[in-house]
C-alpha atoms as a PDB file:
ATOM      1  CA  MET A   1      49.807 -43.504 -24.909  1.00  0.00           C
ATOM      2  CA  GLN A   2      50.674 -47.012 -23.852  1.00  0.00           C
ATOM      3  CA  GLN A   3      53.390 -49.446 -24.892  1.00  0.00           C
ATOM      4  CA  SER A   4      54.243 -52.874 -23.615  1.00  0.00           C
ATOM      5  CA  ILE A   5      57.678 -54.099 -22.896  1.00  0.00           C
ATOM      6  CA  ASP A   6      58.272 -57.663 -21.241  1.00  0.00           C
ATOM      7  CA  GLY A   7      54.947 -57.424 -19.466  1.00  0.00           C
ATOM      8  CA  LYS A   8      55.682 -53.641 -18.241  1.00  0.00           C
ATOM      9  CA  LYS A   9      53.873 -50.842 -19.404  1.00  0.00           C
ATOM     10  CA  ILE A  10      55.625 -47.552 -20.782  1.00  0.00           C
ATOM     11  CA  CYS A  11      52.772 -44.608 -20.002  1.00  0.00           C
ATOM     12  CA  GLN A  12      52.634 -40.966 -20.673  1.00  0.00           C
ATOM     13  CA  GLU A  13      51.110 -39.244 -17.582  1.00  0.00           C
ATOM     14  CA  ASN A  14      50.474 -35.799 -16.715  1.00  0.00           C
ATOM     15  CA  GLY A  15      52.403 -34.452 -13.618  1.00  0.00           C
ATOM     16  CA  ALA A  16      53.084 -31.248 -11.890  1.00  0.00           C
ATOM     17  CA  ASP A  17      55.861 -30.365 -14.510  1.00  0.00           C
ATOM     18  CA  GLY A  18      53.724 -31.587 -17.542  1.00  0.00           C
ATOM     19  CA  ILE A  19      53.455 -34.761 -19.352  1.00  0.00           C
ATOM     20  CA  GLY A  20      56.428 -37.412 -18.628  1.00  0.00           C
ATOM     21  CA  LEU A  21      56.927 -41.217 -19.564  1.00  0.00           C
ATOM     22  CA  TYR A  22      56.823 -43.709 -16.877  1.00  0.00           C
ATOM     23  CA  LEU A  23      57.342 -47.280 -16.461  1.00  0.00           C
ATOM     24  CA  ALA A  24      54.775 -49.265 -14.552  1.00  0.00           C
ATOM     25  CA  GLU A  25      54.626 -52.847 -13.691  1.00  0.00           C
ATOM     26  CA  PRO A  26      51.319 -54.795 -13.908  1.00  0.00           C
ATOM     27  CA  HIS A  27      51.882 -56.957 -10.919  1.00  0.00           C
ATOM     28  CA  ASP A  28      52.813 -54.072  -8.566  1.00  0.00           C
ATOM     29  CA  ALA A  29      49.344 -54.037  -6.173  1.00  0.00           C
ATOM     30  CA  GLN A  30      49.590 -50.006  -6.695  1.00  0.00           C
ATOM     31  CA  ALA A  31      49.253 -50.030 -10.264  1.00  0.00           C
ATOM     32  CA  GLN A  32      45.892 -50.383 -11.701  1.00  0.00           C
ATOM     33  CA  ILE A  33      45.286 -51.540 -15.412  1.00  0.00           C
ATOM     34  CA  ARG A  34      41.816 -51.231 -16.638  1.00  0.00           C
ATOM     35  CA  VAL A  35      40.890 -52.556 -20.355  1.00  0.00           C
ATOM     36  CA  LEU A  36      38.591 -49.822 -22.159  1.00  0.00           C
ATOM     37  CA  ASP A  37      35.526 -50.819 -24.145  1.00  0.00           C
ATOM     38  CA  THR A  38      35.938 -49.703 -27.843  1.00  0.00           C
ATOM     39  CA  VAL A  39      34.553 -50.541 -31.098  1.00  0.00           C
ATOM     40  CA  ASP A  40      36.926 -52.895 -32.181  1.00  0.00           C
ATOM     41  CA  ALA A  41      37.642 -55.555 -29.312  1.00  0.00           C
ATOM     42  CA  SER A  42      40.489 -57.169 -31.361  1.00  0.00           C
ATOM     43  CA  ARG A  43      42.671 -54.146 -30.330  1.00  0.00           C
ATOM     44  CA  ARG A  44      42.742 -53.233 -26.859  1.00  0.00           C
ATOM     45  CA  LEU A  45      43.066 -50.220 -24.997  1.00  0.00           C
ATOM     46  CA  GLY A  46      43.729 -49.549 -21.472  1.00  0.00           C
ATOM     47  CA  ARG A  47      44.088 -46.856 -18.577  1.00  0.00           C
ATOM     48  CA  VAL A  48      46.956 -47.036 -16.221  1.00  0.00           C
ATOM     49  CA  ALA A  49      46.519 -45.404 -12.830  1.00  0.00           C
ATOM     50  CA  PHE A  50      49.403 -45.338 -10.444  1.00  0.00           C
ATOM     51  CA  ALA A  51      50.892 -42.830  -7.815  1.00  0.00           C
ATOM     52  CA  ASP A  52      54.297 -41.223  -8.008  1.00  0.00           C
ATOM     53  CA  HIS A  53      56.081 -43.937  -6.138  1.00  0.00           C
ATOM     54  CA  ASP A  54      54.199 -46.874  -8.333  1.00  0.00           C
ATOM     55  CA  ALA A  55      56.330 -46.216 -11.362  1.00  0.00           C
ATOM     56  CA  ARG A  56      59.664 -45.303 -12.467  1.00  0.00           C
ATOM     57  CA  LEU A  57      60.202 -42.012 -14.429  1.00  0.00           C
ATOM     58  CA  LEU A  58      61.832 -42.581 -18.016  1.00  0.00           C
ATOM     59  CA  ALA A  59      61.779 -39.312 -19.447  1.00  0.00           C
ATOM     60  CA  ALA A  60      60.928 -35.821 -17.922  1.00  0.00           C
ATOM     61  CA  PRO A  61      58.440 -33.479 -19.546  1.00  0.00           C
ATOM     62  CA  ALA A  62      61.065 -31.770 -21.892  1.00  0.00           C
ATOM     63  CA  ALA A  63      62.594 -35.033 -23.104  1.00  0.00           C
ATOM     64  CA  ALA A  64      59.220 -36.825 -22.995  1.00  0.00           C
ATOM     65  CA  ALA A  65      57.493 -34.415 -25.526  1.00  0.00           C
ATOM     66  CA  LYS A  66      59.985 -34.908 -28.188  1.00  0.00           C
ATOM     67  CA  ILE A  67      59.707 -38.932 -27.722  1.00  0.00           C
ATOM     68  CA  ILE A  68      55.842 -38.497 -27.805  1.00  0.00           C
ATOM     69  CA  ALA A  69      55.955 -36.323 -30.896  1.00  0.00           C
ATOM     70  CA  SER A  70      57.983 -38.802 -32.837  1.00  0.00           C
ATOM     71  CA  THR A  71      55.990 -41.599 -31.601  1.00  0.00           C
ATOM     72  CA  ARG A  72      52.808 -40.224 -32.631  1.00  0.00           C
ATOM     73  CA  ARG A  73      54.216 -39.201 -35.981  1.00  0.00           C
ATOM     74  CA  ARG A  74      55.120 -42.911 -36.595  1.00  0.00           C
ATOM     75  CA  ALA A  75      51.802 -44.101 -35.260  1.00  0.00           C
ATOM     76  CA  LEU A  76      49.449 -41.715 -37.687  1.00  0.00           C
ATOM     77  CA  ALA A  77      51.771 -43.018 -40.868  1.00  0.00           C
ATOM     78  CA  ALA A  78      51.128 -46.688 -39.515  1.00  0.00           C
ATOM     79  CA  LEU A  79      47.613 -46.199 -39.111  1.00  0.00           C
ATOM     80  CA  ALA A  80      47.190 -44.761 -42.559  1.00  0.00           C
ATOM     81  CA  LEU A  81      48.783 -47.585 -44.100  1.00  0.00           C
ATOM     82  CA  GLU A  82      46.773 -50.046 -42.179  1.00  0.00           C
ATOM     83  CA  ALA A  83      43.684 -48.128 -43.213  1.00  0.00           C
ATOM     84  CA  VAL A  84      44.749 -48.383 -46.838  1.00  0.00           C
ATOM     85  CA  GLY A  85      44.939 -52.120 -46.241  1.00  0.00           C
ATOM     86  CA  VAL A  86      41.480 -52.379 -44.858  1.00  0.00           C
ATOM     87  CA  ALA A  87      39.918 -50.395 -47.586  1.00  0.00           C
ATOM     88  CA  SER A  88      41.550 -52.318 -50.184  1.00  0.00           C
ATOM     89  CA  HIS A  89      40.097 -55.770 -48.673  1.00  0.00           C
ATOM     90  CA  ALA A  90      36.708 -54.097 -48.398  1.00  0.00           C
ATOM     91  CA  LEU A  91      36.854 -53.492 -52.052  1.00  0.00           C
ATOM     92  CA  GLU A  92      38.110 -56.926 -52.991  1.00  0.00           C
ATOM     93  CA  LEU A  93      35.251 -58.459 -50.807  1.00  0.00           C
ATOM     94  CA  GLY A  94      32.846 -55.995 -52.579  1.00  0.00           C
ATOM     95  CA  VAL A  95      33.904 -56.728 -56.086  1.00  0.00           C
ATOM     96  CA  GLU A  96      33.897 -60.390 -55.581  1.00  0.00           C
ATOM     97  CA  HIS A  97      30.419 -60.378 -54.327  1.00  0.00           C
ATOM     98  CA  ALA A  98      29.210 -58.078 -57.152  1.00  0.00           C
ATOM     99  CA  LYS A  99      30.864 -60.733 -59.919  1.00  0.00           C
ATOM    100  CA  THR A 100      29.225 -63.791 -58.289  1.00  0.00           C
ATOM    101  CA  ARG A 101      25.885 -62.750 -56.744  1.00  0.00           C
ATOM    102  CA  GLU A 102      23.059 -62.566 -59.402  1.00  0.00           C
ATOM    103  CA  GLN A 103      19.573 -60.766 -59.728  1.00  0.00           C
ATOM    104  CA  PHE A 104      17.212 -60.796 -62.390  1.00  0.00           C
ATOM    105  CA  GLY A 105      19.619 -63.245 -64.150  1.00  0.00           C
ATOM    106  CA  ARG A 106      22.601 -61.116 -64.088  1.00  0.00           C
ATOM    107  CA  PRO A 107      25.544 -60.453 -61.994  1.00  0.00           C
ATOM    108  CA  ILE A 108      24.751 -57.331 -59.551  1.00  0.00           C
ATOM    109  CA  GLY A 109      27.959 -55.654 -60.571  1.00  0.00           C
ATOM    110  CA  VAL A 110      26.501 -54.553 -64.155  1.00  0.00           C
ATOM    111  CA  TYR A 111      24.091 -52.484 -62.239  1.00  0.00           C
ATOM    112  CA  GLN A 112      25.279 -48.947 -61.942  1.00  0.00           C
ATOM    113  CA  ALA A 113      24.117 -48.740 -58.239  1.00  0.00           C
ATOM    114  CA  VAL A 114      26.512 -51.311 -57.388  1.00  0.00           C
ATOM    115  CA  SER A 115      29.487 -50.549 -59.799  1.00  0.00           C
ATOM    116  CA  HIS A 116      29.904 -47.065 -59.110  1.00  0.00           C
ATOM    117  CA  PRO A 117      30.273 -47.164 -55.561  1.00  0.00           C
ATOM    118  CA  LEU A 118      32.851 -49.891 -55.811  1.00  0.00           C
ATOM    119  CA  ALA A 119      34.599 -47.416 -58.590  1.00  0.00           C
ATOM    120  CA  ASP A 120      34.496 -44.685 -56.101  1.00  0.00           C
ATOM    121  CA  THR A 121      36.219 -46.802 -53.703  1.00  0.00           C
ATOM    122  CA  TYR A 122      38.949 -47.720 -56.027  1.00  0.00           C
ATOM    123  CA  ILE A 123      39.823 -44.152 -56.721  1.00  0.00           C
ATOM    124  CA  ASP A 124      39.567 -43.121 -53.020  1.00  0.00           C
ATOM    125  CA  THR A 125      41.691 -45.958 -51.891  1.00  0.00           C
ATOM    126  CA  GLU A 126      44.458 -45.455 -54.627  1.00  0.00           C
ATOM    127  CA  LEU A 127      44.902 -41.751 -53.488  1.00  0.00           C
ATOM    128  CA  ALA A 128      44.624 -42.770 -49.715  1.00  0.00           C
ATOM    129  CA  ARG A 129      47.728 -45.386 -50.807  1.00  0.00           C
ATOM    130  CA  SER A 130      49.702 -42.336 -52.404  1.00  0.00           C
ATOM    131  CA  ILE A 131      49.171 -40.302 -49.279  1.00  0.00           C
ATOM    132  CA  ALA A 132      50.309 -43.033 -47.024  1.00  0.00           C
ATOM    133  CA  TYR A 133      53.209 -43.757 -48.776  1.00  0.00           C
ATOM    134  CA  TRP A 134      54.268 -40.062 -48.836  1.00  0.00           C
ATOM    135  CA  ALA A 135      53.731 -40.039 -45.265  1.00  0.00           C
ATOM    136  CA  ALA A 136      55.514 -43.272 -44.681  1.00  0.00           C
ATOM    137  CA  TRP A 137      58.793 -42.138 -46.793  1.00  0.00           C
ATOM    138  CA  CYS A 138      58.292 -38.748 -44.511  1.00  0.00           C
ATOM    139  CA  VAL A 139      58.549 -40.471 -41.261  1.00  0.00           C
ATOM    140  CA  SER A 140      61.407 -42.924 -42.618  1.00  0.00           C
ATOM    141  CA  GLU A 141      63.400 -40.027 -43.798  1.00  0.00           C
ATOM    142  CA  ASN A 142      62.935 -37.878 -40.845  1.00  0.00           C
ATOM    143  CA  ASP A 143      61.735 -35.120 -43.275  1.00  0.00           C
ATOM    144  CA  GLU A 144      60.615 -31.818 -42.212  1.00  0.00           C
ATOM    145  CA  GLU A 145      57.208 -32.385 -43.495  1.00  0.00           C
ATOM    146  CA  ALA A 146      56.735 -35.484 -41.624  1.00  0.00           C
ATOM    147  CA  PRO A 147      54.210 -34.141 -38.970  1.00  0.00           C
ATOM    148  CA  ILE A 148      51.993 -32.710 -41.694  1.00  0.00           C
ATOM    149  CA  ALA A 149      52.436 -35.845 -44.169  1.00  0.00           C
ATOM    150  CA  ALA A 150      51.297 -38.077 -41.120  1.00  0.00           C
ATOM    151  CA  ALA A 151      48.285 -35.826 -40.246  1.00  0.00           C
ATOM    152  CA  ALA A 152      47.234 -35.808 -43.808  1.00  0.00           C
ATOM    153  CA  ALA A 153      47.556 -39.313 -44.673  1.00  0.00           C
ATOM    154  CA  LYS A 154      45.975 -40.541 -41.321  1.00  0.00           C
ATOM    155  CA  SER A 155      42.872 -38.114 -41.848  1.00  0.00           C
ATOM    156  CA  TYR A 156      42.198 -39.098 -45.323  1.00  0.00           C
ATOM    157  CA  SER A 157      42.939 -42.762 -45.173  1.00  0.00           C
ATOM    158  CA  GLY A 158      40.880 -43.288 -42.237  1.00  0.00           C
ATOM    159  CA  ASP A 159      37.927 -41.798 -43.664  1.00  0.00           C
ATOM    160  CA  VAL A 160      38.554 -43.796 -46.999  1.00  0.00           C
ATOM    161  CA  ALA A 161      38.743 -46.928 -44.856  1.00  0.00           C
ATOM    162  CA  VAL A 162      35.164 -46.259 -43.283  1.00  0.00           C
ATOM    163  CA  SER A 163      33.648 -45.426 -46.704  1.00  0.00           C
ATOM    164  CA  ALA A 164      34.966 -48.373 -48.217  1.00  0.00           C
ATOM    165  CA  CYS A 165      33.698 -50.475 -45.745  1.00  0.00           C
ATOM    166  CA  GLU A 166      30.214 -48.999 -45.904  1.00  0.00           C
ATOM    167  CA  ARG A 167      29.838 -49.216 -49.417  1.00  0.00           C
ATOM    168  CA  ALA A 168      30.898 -52.894 -49.171  1.00  0.00           C
ATOM    169  CA  ILE A 169      28.341 -53.883 -46.632  1.00  0.00           C
ATOM    170  CA  GLN A 170      25.736 -52.284 -49.278  1.00  0.00           C
ATOM    171  CA  VAL A 171      27.133 -54.120 -51.902  1.00  0.00           C
ATOM    172  CA  LEU A 172      26.692 -57.279 -49.811  1.00  0.00           C
ATOM    173  CA  GLY A 173      23.108 -56.261 -49.085  1.00  0.00           C
ATOM    174  CA  GLY A 174      23.922 -55.808 -45.289  1.00  0.00           C
ATOM    175  CA  ILE A 175      25.307 -59.581 -44.473  1.00  0.00           C
ATOM    176  CA  GLY A 176      28.649 -57.843 -44.269  1.00  0.00           C
ATOM    177  CA  PHE A 177      27.636 -56.502 -40.813  1.00  0.00           C
ATOM    178  CA  THR A 178      26.624 -59.987 -39.412  1.00  0.00           C
ATOM    179  CA  TRP A 179      28.676 -62.349 -37.247  1.00  0.00           C
ATOM    180  CA  GLU A 180      28.831 -64.705 -39.962  1.00  0.00           C
ATOM    181  CA  HIS A 181      31.032 -62.421 -42.588  1.00  0.00           C
ATOM    182  CA  VAL A 182      34.441 -60.966 -41.862  1.00  0.00           C
ATOM    183  CA  LEU A 183      33.544 -57.490 -43.348  1.00  0.00           C
ATOM    184  CA  HIS A 184      31.957 -56.464 -39.973  1.00  0.00           C
ATOM    185  CA  ARG A 185      35.409 -56.845 -38.240  1.00  0.00           C
ATOM    186  CA  TYR A 186      37.307 -54.725 -40.904  1.00  0.00           C
ATOM    187  CA  TYR A 187      34.627 -52.047 -40.579  1.00  0.00           C
ATOM    188  CA  LYS A 188      35.096 -51.979 -36.867  1.00  0.00           C
ATOM    189  CA  ARG A 189      38.916 -51.634 -37.352  1.00  0.00           C
ATOM    190  CA  ALA A 190      38.283 -48.806 -39.906  1.00  0.00           C
ATOM    191  CA  LEU A 191      36.218 -46.950 -37.113  1.00  0.00           C
ATOM    192  CA  TRP A 192      39.067 -47.380 -34.548  1.00  0.00           C
ATOM    193  CA  ILE A 193      41.551 -46.046 -36.982  1.00  0.00           C
ATOM    194  CA  GLN A 194      39.579 -43.123 -37.799  1.00  0.00           C
ATOM    195  CA  ALA A 195      39.012 -42.004 -34.176  1.00  0.00           C
ATOM    196  CA  HIS A 196      42.425 -43.027 -32.629  1.00  0.00           C
ATOM    197  CA  GLY A 197      44.806 -39.981 -32.680  1.00  0.00           C
ATOM    198  CA  GLY A 198      42.530 -37.769 -33.589  1.00  0.00           C
ATOM    199  CA  TYR A 199      39.298 -37.394 -35.482  1.00  0.00           C
ATOM    200  CA  PRO A 200      39.953 -36.276 -39.433  1.00  0.00           C
ATOM    201  CA  ARG A 201      38.527 -32.861 -38.923  1.00  0.00           C
ATOM    202  CA  GLU A 202      41.145 -32.292 -35.816  1.00  0.00           C
ATOM    203  CA  LEU A 203      44.069 -33.466 -38.315  1.00  0.00           C
ATOM    204  CA  ARG A 204      42.662 -31.635 -41.445  1.00  0.00           C
ATOM    205  CA  ALA A 205      42.797 -28.333 -39.113  1.00  0.00           C
ATOM    206  CA  LYS A 206      46.369 -29.009 -38.372  1.00  0.00           C
ATOM    207  CA  VAL A 207      47.231 -29.355 -42.164  1.00  0.00           C
ATOM    208  CA  ALA A 208      45.190 -26.430 -43.092  1.00  0.00           C
ATOM    209  CA  ALA A 209      47.117 -24.022 -40.377  1.00  0.00           C
ATOM    210  CA  TRP A 210      50.223 -25.150 -41.651  1.00  0.00           C
ATOM    211  CA  LEU A 211      49.391 -24.491 -45.070  1.00  0.00           C
ATOM    212  CA  LEU A 212      48.085 -21.090 -44.387  1.00  0.00           C
ATOM    213  CA  ASP A 213      51.147 -20.141 -42.399  1.00  0.00           C
ATOM    214  CA  ARG A 214      53.682 -21.091 -45.430  1.00  0.00           C
END
């Protein structure tokens, strides 16, 4: 986890006593920040390396665990909402193309091979929206189900965003993945969301364990 505040970096680091939160300053010659290559270049991730004396401890492991857990719940809920936005716009792009692109003298949207995947995307997106709203409410109200709601929302919404973009790319005949069309950026963001914070299968396993233990 890394958060920027006034040019400084708040990082989690595994120390001798566990994971703590530290404040590292980029201008410090001892702190090394390396930007990582990811599928979505518009949202950067980095790795910060420093020795004990290069950063100031903000929260010891006991306190840091609570802060990290709370931050993670909010991050997962936010990613779920963003994924819904990505899926919604991918659907809009696909529907608009299906209405205006003609083949054999008719809009391609009249053909079931085009309209049915778009209908599936609509159903999936609305369900993802409902789950994401539930997660946002739980996190906002500090509800006891917030960890599970956030995990469920992010796991489902991330998959929906990826599927929505892939279907839209097929509707657009592949042009959606070219640099000339904006859809490829939404697809890369969807893949980033799907992977960040744990792949869907990992989050679903957490939800399943919670349900079975009730």
